[in-house]
């Protein structure tokens, strides 16, 4: 089984845009692509797990989400991301998949044969961190996106950005 790095999308890999629905608004956070390339080269499967409640709220369509996701994929480069899991559920709807619930991570682990105990999650919200720890991964909060306003108290490490988080993982800090 393969270890993974689960990644939140908005505010972690790409700049935070309130309910991003226009591919023209997709901008990578500086150093994100290079960090992902290094993580993949080290043997980690890279899996995006993203809440997209704007769909349930009627603020964007699934087609707009898909166009934004395609633009992100084009900026990152083909084959870098193993898979993307998206939850369109509203925050007040019962959901096993909307972070902080771990459902997207469990589904990814089953489908991609991932070893959760040797995996990490990186995100800019406590809900990302909680989803990861509830699934049995280690967790890194980044200070990009919404991360500047989060406590980080549930994270194993707090990093300035995705590049710093990758450095921490690749140095072997806490890695098995």
Protein backbone atom coordinates (compact mmCIF):
# COMPACT_ATOMS: atom_id res chain seq x y z
CA UNK A 1 0.00 0.00 0.00
CA UNK A 2 1.15 3.50 -0.87
CA UNK A 3 1.43 6.47 1.49
CA UNK A 4 -0.42 9.56 0.36
CA UNK A 5 -0.45 13.27 0.90
CA UNK A 6 -4.06 14.42 0.95
CA UNK A 7 -4.41 18.05 -0.04
CA UNK A 8 -7.09 20.63 0.41
CA UNK A 9 -7.46 22.63 -2.81
CA UNK A 10 -8.54 26.23 -2.16
CA UNK A 11 -6.11 28.12 0.05
CA UNK A 12 -3.61 25.25 0.09
CA UNK A 13 -2.63 24.55 -3.53
CA UNK A 14 -4.33 27.49 -5.21
CA UNK A 15 -5.03 30.99 -3.97
CA UNK A 16 -8.27 31.30 -2.01
CA UNK A 17 -11.06 32.72 -4.18
CA UNK A 18 -14.49 32.89 -2.56
CA UNK A 19 -16.44 30.06 -4.28
CA UNK A 20 -14.11 29.99 -7.27
CA UNK A 21 -16.14 29.34 -10.41
CA UNK A 22 -14.02 30.99 -13.10
CA UNK A 23 -10.93 29.14 -14.38
CA UNK A 24 -9.31 32.53 -15.04
CA UNK A 25 -9.20 33.08 -11.26
CA UNK A 26 -7.07 29.98 -10.60
CA UNK A 27 -3.59 30.92 -9.39
CA UNK A 28 -1.17 28.52 -7.77
CA UNK A 29 0.26 29.47 -4.41
CA UNK A 30 3.96 30.17 -5.01
CA UNK A 31 6.04 27.00 -4.69
CA UNK A 32 3.01 24.67 -4.65
CA UNK A 33 3.71 22.86 -7.93
CA UNK A 34 7.35 22.28 -7.09
CA UNK A 35 6.42 21.01 -3.62
CA UNK A 36 3.97 18.52 -5.12
CA UNK A 37 6.56 17.32 -7.63
CA UNK A 38 8.99 16.65 -4.75
CA UNK A 39 6.36 14.78 -2.71
CA UNK A 40 5.41 12.60 -5.68
CA UNK A 41 9.07 11.88 -6.43
CA UNK A 42 9.46 10.70 -2.82
CA UNK A 43 6.76 8.08 -3.41
CA UNK A 44 3.62 9.75 -2.11
CA UNK A 45 0.33 9.53 -4.00
CA UNK A 46 -1.13 13.04 -4.19
CA UNK A 47 -4.89 13.22 -3.60
CA UNK A 48 -7.00 16.35 -3.50
CA UNK A 49 -9.93 16.29 -1.05
CA UNK A 50 -12.08 19.40 -1.34
CA UNK A 51 -15.35 20.65 0.12
CA UNK A 52 -17.34 22.57 -2.48
CA UNK A 53 -20.50 23.65 -0.66
CA UNK A 54 -20.99 26.42 -3.21
CA UNK A 55 -22.59 23.76 -5.41
CA UNK A 56 -25.25 22.90 -2.81
CA UNK A 57 -25.73 26.60 -2.10
CA UNK A 58 -26.32 27.38 -5.79
CA UNK A 59 -23.27 29.65 -6.01
CA UNK A 60 -21.56 27.55 -8.67
CA UNK A 61 -22.46 24.60 -10.84
CA UNK A 62 -20.73 21.24 -11.10
CA UNK A 63 -19.65 22.30 -14.60
CA UNK A 64 -18.01 25.45 -13.22
CA UNK A 65 -16.30 23.37 -10.52
CA UNK A 66 -15.04 20.96 -13.20
CA UNK A 67 -13.69 23.84 -15.31
CA UNK A 68 -11.80 25.26 -12.31
CA UNK A 69 -10.47 21.78 -11.49
CA UNK A 70 -9.34 21.30 -15.11
CA UNK A 71 -7.50 24.64 -15.02
CA UNK A 72 -5.77 23.64 -11.79
CA UNK A 73 -4.76 20.33 -13.39
CA UNK A 74 -3.35 22.15 -16.40
CA UNK A 75 -1.28 24.46 -14.18
CA UNK A 76 0.02 21.56 -12.09
CA UNK A 77 0.76 19.32 -15.06
CA UNK A 78 -0.61 16.00 -16.22
CA UNK A 79 -0.18 13.01 -13.95
CA UNK A 80 0.86 14.88 -10.81
CA UNK A 81 -2.40 14.37 -8.90
CA UNK A 82 -3.46 10.73 -8.48
CA UNK A 83 -7.12 11.61 -7.94
CA UNK A 84 -9.49 14.31 -6.73
CA UNK A 85 -12.42 13.78 -4.37
CA UNK A 86 -15.00 16.54 -4.04
CA UNK A 87 -17.90 16.90 -1.61
CA UNK A 88 -20.66 19.32 -2.73
CA UNK A 89 -22.66 19.01 0.51
CA UNK A 90 -23.80 22.09 2.40
CA UNK A 91 -22.39 22.61 5.90
CA UNK A 92 -25.75 21.99 7.58
CA UNK A 93 -26.51 18.77 5.64
CA UNK A 94 -25.68 15.42 7.23
CA UNK A 95 -22.58 14.15 5.44
CA UNK A 96 -19.98 11.43 5.90
CA UNK A 97 -17.80 13.08 3.27
CA UNK A 98 -17.74 16.82 4.01
CA UNK A 99 -14.61 17.64 5.98
CA UNK A 100 -14.16 17.41 8.98
CA UNK A 101 -15.73 13.99 8.33
CA UNK A 102 -13.11 11.55 7.00
CA UNK A 103 -15.26 9.94 4.27
CA UNK A 104 -13.35 11.31 1.27
CA UNK A 105 -10.08 10.04 2.74
CA UNK A 106 -11.51 6.59 3.49
CA UNK A 107 -12.94 6.35 -0.03
CA UNK A 108 -9.64 7.42 -1.57
CA UNK A 109 -7.73 4.92 0.58
CA UNK A 110 -10.02 2.10 -0.56
CA UNK A 111 -10.01 3.04 -4.25
CA UNK A 112 -6.29 3.84 -4.52
CA UNK A 113 -4.95 1.30 -2.00
CA UNK A 114 -3.42 3.94 0.26
CA UNK A 115 -1.82 3.42 3.65
CA UNK A 116 -3.48 5.97 5.91
CA UNK A 117 -1.06 5.38 8.80
CA UNK A 118 1.88 6.51 6.63
CA UNK A 119 -0.08 9.37 5.06
CA UNK A 120 -0.47 13.08 5.68
CA UNK A 121 -3.12 15.72 5.09
CA UNK A 122 -2.24 19.34 4.35
CA UNK A 123 -4.88 22.05 4.57
CA UNK A 124 -5.66 25.60 5.60
CA UNK A 125 -8.61 24.89 7.90
CA UNK A 126 -9.14 22.94 11.11
CA UNK A 127 -11.76 20.91 9.21
CA UNK A 128 -8.97 19.60 6.95
CA UNK A 129 -6.83 18.71 9.94
CA UNK A 130 -9.70 16.96 11.73
CA UNK A 131 -10.64 14.94 8.63
CA UNK A 132 -7.07 13.71 8.41
CA UNK A 133 -6.63 12.85 12.06
CA UNK A 134 -10.03 11.10 12.12
CA UNK A 135 -8.85 9.00 9.16
CA UNK A 136 -5.59 8.14 10.92
CA UNK A 137 -3.20 10.41 9.01
CA UNK A 138 -0.82 13.01 10.34
CA UNK A 139 -1.83 16.59 9.66
CA UNK A 140 -0.20 19.87 8.69
CA UNK A 141 -1.97 23.23 8.80
CA UNK A 142 -0.67 25.81 6.34
CA UNK A 143 -0.94 29.54 7.03
CA UNK A 144 -2.05 30.33 3.46
CA UNK A 145 -5.74 30.78 2.59
CA UNK A 146 -7.78 30.66 5.80
CA UNK A 147 -4.85 29.22 7.74
CA UNK A 148 -3.72 32.54 9.19
CA UNK A 149 -6.86 32.62 11.32
CA UNK A 150 -6.76 28.98 12.49
CA UNK A 151 -5.27 27.83 15.79
CA UNK A 152 -3.47 24.77 14.51
CA UNK A 153 -4.05 23.04 17.84
CA UNK A 154 -5.04 19.73 16.19
CA UNK A 155 -2.19 19.73 13.67
CA UNK A 156 1.03 17.77 14.04
CA UNK A 157 2.85 20.72 12.46
CA UNK A 158 2.02 24.24 11.30
CA UNK A 159 3.78 25.43 8.13
CA UNK A 160 3.95 28.75 6.33
CA UNK A 161 2.79 27.20 3.05
CA UNK A 162 2.67 24.00 1.02
CA UNK A 163 6.38 24.18 0.18
CA UNK A 164 7.28 24.36 3.89
CA UNK A 165 4.88 21.50 4.65
CA UNK A 166 6.54 19.37 1.96
CA UNK A 167 9.97 20.21 3.42
CA UNK A 168 8.78 19.00 6.83
CA UNK A 169 7.42 15.73 5.43
CA UNK A 170 10.49 15.08 3.29
CA UNK A 171 12.90 15.73 6.15
CA UNK A 172 11.30 12.70 7.74
CA UNK A 173 9.87 14.56 10.71
CA UNK A 174 7.42 12.07 12.11
CA UNK A 175 7.37 10.07 8.87
CA UNK A 176 7.40 6.30 8.98
